[in-house]
Amino acid sequence: MPKLYYTPTSCGASNFIAAFYAEVSIEAETVDLRTHTTASGVDFYTINPKGNVPALVLDDGTLLNENAATLQAIADLVSP
């Protein structure tokens, strides 16, 4: 299952909202950008070396970390 890293106060929230309304199954975790740690306590730089959100890790391990790319990937996950 793809995993989205986002903050609720950034453009990354649009990815969470898009997945929710499109009923796409993703795992989601918030990131504290001041400390660059995830809600589960992981150093976010180990997931995304750029340190930016949104970051979407696909099932094959591919990391997407720009809003346009992550939104398109979520759209691609919508079942026809």
PDB file of N, CA and C in Angstrom:
ATOM      1  N   MET A   1       0.846  -1.166   0.000  1.00  0.00           N
ATOM      2  CA  MET A   1       0.000   0.000   0.000  1.00  0.00           C
ATOM      3  C   MET A   1       0.901   1.242   0.000  1.00  0.00           C
ATOM      4  N   PRO A   2       0.658   2.189  -0.889  1.00  0.00           N
ATOM      5  CA  PRO A   2       1.459   3.415  -0.911  1.00  0.00           C
ATOM      6  C   PRO A   2       1.352   4.158   0.425  1.00  0.00           C
ATOM      7  N   LYS A   3       2.427   4.872   0.759  1.00  0.00           N
ATOM      8  CA  LYS A   3       2.431   5.629   2.007  1.00  0.00           C
ATOM      9  C   LYS A   3       2.698   7.096   1.711  1.00  0.00           C
ATOM     10  N   LEU A   4       1.813   7.943   2.230  1.00  0.00           N
ATOM     11  CA  LEU A   4       1.914   9.386   2.042  1.00  0.00           C
ATOM     12  C   LEU A   4       2.433  10.025   3.315  1.00  0.00           C
ATOM     13  N   TYR A   5       3.440  10.855   3.167  1.00  0.00           N
ATOM     14  CA  TYR A   5       3.942  11.677   4.256  1.00  0.00           C
ATOM     15  C   TYR A   5       3.537  13.110   3.938  1.00  0.00           C
ATOM     16  N   TYR A   6       2.911  13.779   4.897  1.00  0.00           N
ATOM     17  CA  TYR A   6       2.376  15.109   4.630  1.00  0.00           C
ATOM     18  C   TYR A   6       2.286  15.911   5.919  1.00  0.00           C
ATOM     19  N   THR A   7       2.004  17.184   5.769  1.00  0.00           N
ATOM     20  CA  THR A   7       1.648  18.030   6.908  1.00  0.00           C
ATOM     21  C   THR A   7       0.267  18.600   6.613  1.00  0.00           C
ATOM     22  N   PRO A   8      -0.567  18.711   7.619  1.00  0.00           N
ATOM     23  CA  PRO A   8      -1.925  19.196   7.394  1.00  0.00           C
ATOM     24  C   PRO A   8      -1.990  20.674   7.013  1.00  0.00           C
ATOM     25  N   THR A   9      -0.905  21.400   7.179  1.00  0.00           N
ATOM     26  CA  THR A   9      -0.902  22.836   6.889  1.00  0.00           C
ATOM     27  C   THR A   9      -0.095  23.191   5.650  1.00  0.00           C
ATOM     28  N   SER A  10       0.137  22.231   4.782  1.00  0.00           N
ATOM     29  CA  SER A  10       0.897  22.492   3.553  1.00  0.00           C
ATOM     30  C   SER A  10       0.131  21.938   2.359  1.00  0.00           C
ATOM     31  N   CYS A  11       0.708  22.120   1.191  1.00  0.00           N
ATOM     32  CA  CYS A  11       0.070  21.601  -0.017  1.00  0.00           C
ATOM     33  C   CYS A  11      -0.034  20.083   0.022  1.00  0.00           C
ATOM     34  N   GLY A  12       0.735  19.439   0.876  1.00  0.00           N
ATOM     35  CA  GLY A  12       0.652  17.990   1.021  1.00  0.00           C
ATOM     36  C   GLY A  12      -0.710  17.521   1.487  1.00  0.00           C
ATOM     37  N   ALA A  13      -1.425  18.394   2.179  1.00  0.00           N
ATOM     38  CA  ALA A  13      -2.771  18.030   2.634  1.00  0.00           C
ATOM     39  C   ALA A  13      -3.689  17.749   1.457  1.00  0.00           C
ATOM     40  N   SER A  14      -3.442  18.389   0.318  1.00  0.00           N
ATOM     41  CA  SER A  14      -4.283  18.142  -0.860  1.00  0.00           C
ATOM     42  C   SER A  14      -4.193  16.685  -1.304  1.00  0.00           C
ATOM     43  N   ASN A  15      -3.050  16.057  -1.096  1.00  0.00           N
ATOM     44  CA  ASN A  15      -2.885  14.646  -1.443  1.00  0.00           C
ATOM     45  C   ASN A  15      -3.732  13.760  -0.542  1.00  0.00           C
ATOM     46  N   PHE A  16      -3.721  14.068   0.745  1.00  0.00           N
ATOM     47  CA  PHE A  16      -4.530  13.324   1.706  1.00  0.00           C
ATOM     48  C   PHE A  16      -6.008  13.466   1.365  1.00  0.00           C
ATOM     49  N   ILE A  17      -6.421  14.681   1.073  1.00  0.00           N
ATOM     50  CA  ILE A  17      -7.819  14.952   0.737  1.00  0.00           C
ATOM     51  C   ILE A  17      -8.208  14.255  -0.565  1.00  0.00           C
ATOM     52  N   ALA A  18      -7.348  14.331  -1.572  1.00  0.00           N
ATOM     53  CA  ALA A  18      -7.637  13.691  -2.863  1.00  0.00           C
ATOM     54  C   ALA A  18      -7.786  12.183  -2.701  1.00  0.00           C
ATOM     55  N   ALA A  19      -6.896  11.564  -1.947  1.00  0.00           N
ATOM     56  CA  ALA A  19      -6.972  10.115  -1.733  1.00  0.00           C
ATOM     57  C   ALA A  19      -8.237   9.747  -0.974  1.00  0.00           C
ATOM     58  N   PHE A  20      -8.584  10.547   0.005  1.00  0.00           N
ATOM     59  CA  PHE A  20      -9.788  10.283   0.796  1.00  0.00           C
ATOM     60  C   PHE A  20     -11.035  10.334  -0.083  1.00  0.00           C
ATOM     61  N   TYR A  21     -11.188  11.407  -0.834  1.00  0.00           N
ATOM     62  CA  TYR A  21     -12.396  11.554  -1.650  1.00  0.00           C
ATOM     63  C   TYR A  21     -12.442  10.609  -2.846  1.00  0.00           C
ATOM     64  N   ALA A  22     -11.264  10.195  -3.335  1.00  0.00           N
ATOM     65  CA  ALA A  22     -11.226   9.233  -4.442  1.00  0.00           C
ATOM     66  C   ALA A  22     -11.314   7.799  -3.930  1.00  0.00           C
ATOM     67  N   GLU A  23     -11.360   7.652  -2.612  1.00  0.00           N
ATOM     68  CA  GLU A  23     -11.420   6.338  -1.963  1.00  0.00           C
ATOM     69  C   GLU A  23     -10.246   5.450  -2.356  1.00  0.00           C
ATOM     70  N   VAL A  24      -9.066   6.069  -2.421  1.00  0.00           N
ATOM     71  CA  VAL A  24      -7.834   5.350  -2.716  1.00  0.00           C
ATOM     72  C   VAL A  24      -7.234   4.898  -1.387  1.00  0.00           C
ATOM     73  N   SER A  25      -6.858   3.638  -1.317  1.00  0.00           N
ATOM     74  CA  SER A  25      -6.256   3.114  -0.097  1.00  0.00           C
ATOM     75  C   SER A  25      -4.780   3.488  -0.041  1.00  0.00           C
ATOM     76  N   ILE A  26      -4.462   4.359   0.882  1.00  0.00           N
ATOM     77  CA  ILE A  26      -3.072   4.713   1.140  1.00  0.00           C
ATOM     78  C   ILE A  26      -2.875   4.754   2.649  1.00  0.00           C
ATOM     79  N   GLU A  27      -1.651   4.574   3.041  1.00  0.00           N
ATOM     80  CA  GLU A  27      -1.279   4.775   4.435  1.00  0.00           C
ATOM     81  C   GLU A  27      -0.796   6.224   4.516  1.00  0.00           C
ATOM     82  N   ALA A  28      -1.109   6.921   5.579  1.00  0.00           N
ATOM     83  CA  ALA A  28      -0.708   8.324   5.695  1.00  0.00           C
ATOM     84  C   ALA A  28      -0.083   8.575   7.056  1.00  0.00           C
ATOM     85  N   GLU A  29       0.938   9.416   7.043  1.00  0.00           N
ATOM     86  CA  GLU A  29       1.613   9.778   8.287  1.00  0.00           C
ATOM     87  C   GLU A  29       2.034  11.235   8.214  1.00  0.00           C
ATOM     88  N   THR A  30       1.800  11.954   9.289  1.00  0.00           N
ATOM     89  CA  THR A  30       2.184  13.363   9.311  1.00  0.00           C
ATOM     90  C   THR A  30       3.667  13.507   9.636  1.00  0.00           C
ATOM     91  N   VAL A  31       4.199  14.655   9.225  1.00  0.00           N
ATOM     92  CA  VAL A  31       5.608  14.975   9.440  1.00  0.00           C
ATOM     93  C   VAL A  31       5.683  16.330  10.133  1.00  0.00           C
ATOM     94  N   ASP A  32       6.518  16.425  11.138  1.00  0.00           N
ATOM     95  CA  ASP A  32       6.796  17.700  11.791  1.00  0.00           C
ATOM     96  C   ASP A  32       7.992  18.307  11.063  1.00  0.00           C
ATOM     97  N   LEU A  33       7.762  19.355  10.307  1.00  0.00           N
ATOM     98  CA  LEU A  33       8.830  19.929   9.495  1.00  0.00           C
ATOM     99  C   LEU A  33       9.850  20.717  10.318  1.00  0.00           C
ATOM    100  N   ARG A  34       9.518  21.069  11.530  1.00  0.00           N
ATOM    101  CA  ARG A  34      10.509  21.743  12.395  1.00  0.00           C
ATOM    102  C   ARG A  34      11.593  20.768  12.835  1.00  0.00           C
ATOM    103  N   THR A  35      11.176  19.547  13.167  1.00  0.00           N
ATOM    104  CA  THR A  35      12.134  18.544  13.649  1.00  0.00           C
ATOM    105  C   THR A  35      12.470  17.500  12.593  1.00  0.00           C
ATOM    106  N   HIS A  36      11.729  17.515  11.495  1.00  0.00           N
ATOM    107  CA  HIS A  36      11.873  16.526  10.420  1.00  0.00           C
ATOM    108  C   HIS A  36      11.750  15.103  10.943  1.00  0.00           C
ATOM    109  N   THR A  37      10.735  14.903  11.791  1.00  0.00           N
ATOM    110  CA  THR A  37      10.417  13.560  12.264  1.00  0.00           C
ATOM    111  C   THR A  37       8.969  13.246  11.921  1.00  0.00           C
ATOM    112  N   THR A  38       8.715  11.980  11.681  1.00  0.00           N
ATOM    113  CA  THR A  38       7.361  11.541  11.383  1.00  0.00           C
ATOM    114  C   THR A  38       6.599  11.349  12.691  1.00  0.00           C
ATOM    115  N   ALA A  39       5.303  11.175  12.586  1.00  0.00           N
ATOM    116  CA  ALA A  39       4.476  10.960  13.772  1.00  0.00           C
ATOM    117  C   ALA A  39       4.925   9.730  14.548  1.00  0.00           C
ATOM    118  N   SER A  40       5.520   8.760  13.868  1.00  0.00           N
ATOM    119  CA  SER A  40       5.998   7.547  14.543  1.00  0.00           C
ATOM    120  C   SER A  40       7.435   7.695  15.060  1.00  0.00           C
ATOM    121  N   GLY A  41       8.026   8.897  14.891  1.00  0.00           N
ATOM    122  CA  GLY A  41       9.350   9.163  15.439  1.00  0.00           C
ATOM    123  C   GLY A  41      10.527   8.896  14.522  1.00  0.00           C
ATOM    124  N   VAL A  42      10.268   8.589  13.266  1.00  0.00           N
ATOM    125  CA  VAL A  42      11.342   8.294  12.310  1.00  0.00           C
ATOM    126  C   VAL A  42      11.921   9.605  11.770  1.00  0.00           C
ATOM    127  N   ASP A  43      13.236   9.645  11.587  1.00  0.00           N
ATOM    128  CA  ASP A  43      13.896  10.794  10.964  1.00  0.00           C
ATOM    129  C   ASP A  43      13.425  10.861   9.510  1.00  0.00           C
ATOM    130  N   PHE A  44      12.700  11.912   9.164  1.00  0.00           N
ATOM    131  CA  PHE A  44      12.106  12.020   7.834  1.00  0.00           C
ATOM    132  C   PHE A  44      13.154  12.062   6.729  1.00  0.00           C
ATOM    133  N   TYR A  45      14.348  12.556   7.028  1.00  0.00           N
ATOM    134  CA  TYR A  45      15.407  12.590   6.013  1.00  0.00           C
ATOM    135  C   TYR A  45      15.809  11.184   5.561  1.00  0.00           C
ATOM    136  N   THR A  46      15.562  10.160   6.367  1.00  0.00           N
ATOM    137  CA  THR A  46      15.864   8.794   5.941  1.00  0.00           C
ATOM    138  C   THR A  46      14.843   8.296   4.919  1.00  0.00           C
ATOM    139  N   ILE A  47      13.688   8.926   4.885  1.00  0.00           N
ATOM    140  CA  ILE A  47      12.641   8.568   3.923  1.00  0.00           C
ATOM    141  C   ILE A  47      12.764   9.429   2.675  1.00  0.00           C
ATOM    142  N   ASN A  48      12.901  10.735   2.892  1.00  0.00           N
ATOM    143  CA  ASN A  48      13.025  11.686   1.797  1.00  0.00           C
ATOM    144  C   ASN A  48      14.220  12.598   2.070  1.00  0.00           C
ATOM    145  N   PRO A  49      15.331  12.368   1.400  1.00  0.00           N
ATOM    146  CA  PRO A  49      16.527  13.180   1.644  1.00  0.00           C
ATOM    147  C   PRO A  49      16.320  14.680   1.413  1.00  0.00           C
ATOM    148  N   LYS A  50      15.342  15.050   0.599  1.00  0.00           N
ATOM    149  CA  LYS A  50      15.057  16.474   0.384  1.00  0.00           C
ATOM    150  C   LYS A  50      14.342  17.086   1.584  1.00  0.00           C
ATOM    151  N   GLY A  51      13.673  16.264   2.373  1.00  0.00           N
ATOM    152  CA  GLY A  51      12.990  16.743   3.567  1.00  0.00           C
ATOM    153  C   GLY A  51      11.681  17.467   3.324  1.00  0.00           C
ATOM    154  N   ASN A  52      11.188  17.425   2.084  1.00  0.00           N
ATOM    155  CA  ASN A  52       9.951  18.153   1.794  1.00  0.00           C
ATOM    156  C   ASN A  52       8.743  17.228   1.753  1.00  0.00           C
ATOM    157  N   VAL A  53       7.588  17.819   1.941  1.00  0.00           N
ATOM    158  CA  VAL A  53       6.322  17.102   1.817  1.00  0.00           C
ATOM    159  C   VAL A  53       5.506  17.780   0.727  1.00  0.00           C
ATOM    160  N   PRO A  54       4.641  17.072   0.066  1.00  0.00           N
ATOM    161  CA  PRO A  54       4.311  15.680   0.278  1.00  0.00           C
ATOM    162  C   PRO A  54       5.391  14.752  -0.275  1.00  0.00           C
ATOM    163  N   ALA A  55       5.416  13.581   0.303  1.00  0.00           N
ATOM    164  CA  ALA A  55       6.278  12.506  -0.193  1.00  0.00           C
ATOM    165  C   ALA A  55       5.409  11.258  -0.239  1.00  0.00           C
ATOM    166  N   LEU A  56       5.416  10.606  -1.367  1.00  0.00           N
ATOM    167  CA  LEU A  56       4.620   9.401  -1.550  1.00  0.00           C
ATOM    168  C   LEU A  56       5.559   8.261  -1.911  1.00  0.00           C
ATOM    169  N   VAL A  57       5.544   7.217  -1.087  1.00  0.00           N
ATOM    170  CA  VAL A  57       6.349   6.025  -1.356  1.00  0.00           C
ATOM    171  C   VAL A  57       5.405   4.977  -1.934  1.00  0.00           C
ATOM    172  N   LEU A  58       5.664   4.597  -3.189  1.00  0.00           N
ATOM    173  CA  LEU A  58       4.829   3.621  -3.875  1.00  0.00           C
ATOM    174  C   LEU A  58       5.184   2.204  -3.435  1.00  0.00           C
ATOM    175  N   ASP A  59       4.352   1.255  -3.811  1.00  0.00           N
ATOM    176  CA  ASP A  59       4.555  -0.150  -3.418  1.00  0.00           C
ATOM    177  C   ASP A  59       5.913  -0.697  -3.836  1.00  0.00           C
ATOM    178  N   ASP A  60       6.438  -0.218  -4.965  1.00  0.00           N
ATOM    179  CA  ASP A  60       7.731  -0.719  -5.439  1.00  0.00           C
ATOM    180  C   ASP A  60       8.919   0.021  -4.828  1.00  0.00           C
ATOM    181  N   GLY A  61       8.639   0.957  -3.894  1.00  0.00           N
ATOM    182  CA  GLY A  61       9.696   1.705  -3.226  1.00  0.00           C
ATOM    183  C   GLY A  61      10.025   3.032  -3.868  1.00  0.00           C
ATOM    184  N   THR A  62       9.420   3.328  -5.007  1.00  0.00           N
ATOM    185  CA  THR A  62       9.649   4.599  -5.675  1.00  0.00           C
ATOM    186  C   THR A  62       9.181   5.746  -4.788  1.00  0.00           C
ATOM    187  N   LEU A  63      10.005   6.786  -4.688  1.00  0.00           N
ATOM    188  CA  LEU A  63       9.662   7.965  -3.902  1.00  0.00           C
ATOM    189  C   LEU A  63       9.306   9.107  -4.842  1.00  0.00           C
ATOM    190  N   LEU A  64       8.117   9.647  -4.673  1.00  0.00           N
ATOM    191  CA  LEU A  64       7.699  10.849  -5.388  1.00  0.00           C
ATOM    192  C   LEU A  64       7.598  11.955  -4.350  1.00  0.00           C
ATOM    193  N   ASN A  65       8.149  13.143  -4.670  1.00  0.00           N
ATOM    194  CA  ASN A  65       8.141  14.172  -3.644  1.00  0.00           C
ATOM    195  C   ASN A  65       7.860  15.579  -4.160  1.00  0.00           C
ATOM    196  N   GLU A  66       7.113  15.682  -5.188  1.00  0.00           N
ATOM    197  CA  GLU A  66       6.629  16.972  -5.651  1.00  0.00           C
ATOM    198  C   GLU A  66       5.114  16.869  -5.780  1.00  0.00           C
ATOM    199  N   ASN A  67       4.413  17.916  -5.399  1.00  0.00           N
ATOM    200  CA  ASN A  67       2.963  17.868  -5.302  1.00  0.00           C
ATOM    201  C   ASN A  67       2.290  17.407  -6.593  1.00  0.00           C
ATOM    202  N   ALA A  68       2.709  17.923  -7.726  1.00  0.00           N
ATOM    203  CA  ALA A  68       2.075  17.529  -8.988  1.00  0.00           C
ATOM    204  C   ALA A  68       2.258  16.034  -9.244  1.00  0.00           C
ATOM    205  N   ALA A  69       3.427  15.510  -8.955  1.00  0.00           N
ATOM    206  CA  ALA A  69       3.708  14.084  -9.183  1.00  0.00           C
ATOM    207  C   ALA A  69       2.926  13.209  -8.215  1.00  0.00           C
ATOM    208  N   THR A  70       2.833  13.619  -6.959  1.00  0.00           N
ATOM    209  CA  THR A  70       2.128  12.805  -5.976  1.00  0.00           C
ATOM    210  C   THR A  70       0.627  12.811  -6.237  1.00  0.00           C
ATOM    211  N   LEU A  71       0.090  13.955  -6.619  1.00  0.00           N
ATOM    212  CA  LEU A  71      -1.348  14.013  -6.954  1.00  0.00           C
ATOM    213  C   LEU A  71      -1.661  13.154  -8.171  1.00  0.00           C
ATOM    214  N   GLN A  72      -0.797  13.180  -9.178  1.00  0.00           N
ATOM    215  CA  GLN A  72      -1.017  12.350 -10.367  1.00  0.00           C
ATOM    216  C   GLN A  72      -0.946  10.872 -10.008  1.00  0.00           C
ATOM    217  N   ALA A  73      -0.001  10.500  -9.154  1.00  0.00           N
ATOM    218  CA  ALA A  73       0.125   9.097  -8.749  1.00  0.00           C
ATOM    219  C   ALA A  73      -1.123   8.641  -8.001  1.00  0.00           C
ATOM    220  N   ILE A  74      -1.670   9.503  -7.162  1.00  0.00           N
ATOM    221  CA  ILE A  74      -2.905   9.152  -6.449  1.00  0.00           C
ATOM    222  C   ILE A  74      -4.050   9.000  -7.445  1.00  0.00           C
ATOM    223  N   ALA A  75      -4.124   9.883  -8.415  1.00  0.00           N
ATOM    224  CA  ALA A  75      -5.167   9.776  -9.450  1.00  0.00           C
ATOM    225  C   ALA A  75      -5.009   8.473 -10.223  1.00  0.00           C
ATOM    226  N   ASP A  76      -3.791   8.059 -10.486  1.00  0.00           N
ATOM    227  CA  ASP A  76      -3.532   6.821 -11.218  1.00  0.00           C
ATOM    228  C   ASP A  76      -3.955   5.572 -10.425  1.00  0.00           C
ATOM    229  N   LEU A  77      -4.055   5.721  -9.096  1.00  0.00           N
ATOM    230  CA  LEU A  77      -4.447   4.600  -8.252  1.00  0.00           C
ATOM    231  C   LEU A  77      -5.960   4.392  -8.184  1.00  0.00           C
ATOM    232  N   VAL A  78      -6.715   5.336  -8.725  1.00  0.00           N
ATOM    233  CA  VAL A  78      -8.177   5.226  -8.698  1.00  0.00           C
ATOM    234  C   VAL A  78      -8.601   4.082  -9.595  1.00  0.00           C
ATOM    235  N   SER A  79      -9.418   3.189  -9.056  1.00  0.00           N
ATOM    236  CA  SER A  79      -9.917   2.067  -9.840  1.00  0.00           C
ATOM    237  C   SER A  79     -10.945   2.558 -10.859  1.00  0.00           C
ATOM    238  N   PRO A  80     -10.820   2.083 -12.117  1.00  0.00           N
ATOM    239  CA  PRO A  80     -11.781   2.520 -13.139  1.00  0.00           C
ATOM    240  C   PRO A  80     -13.171   1.993 -12.909  1.00  0.00           C
TER     241      PRO A  80
END
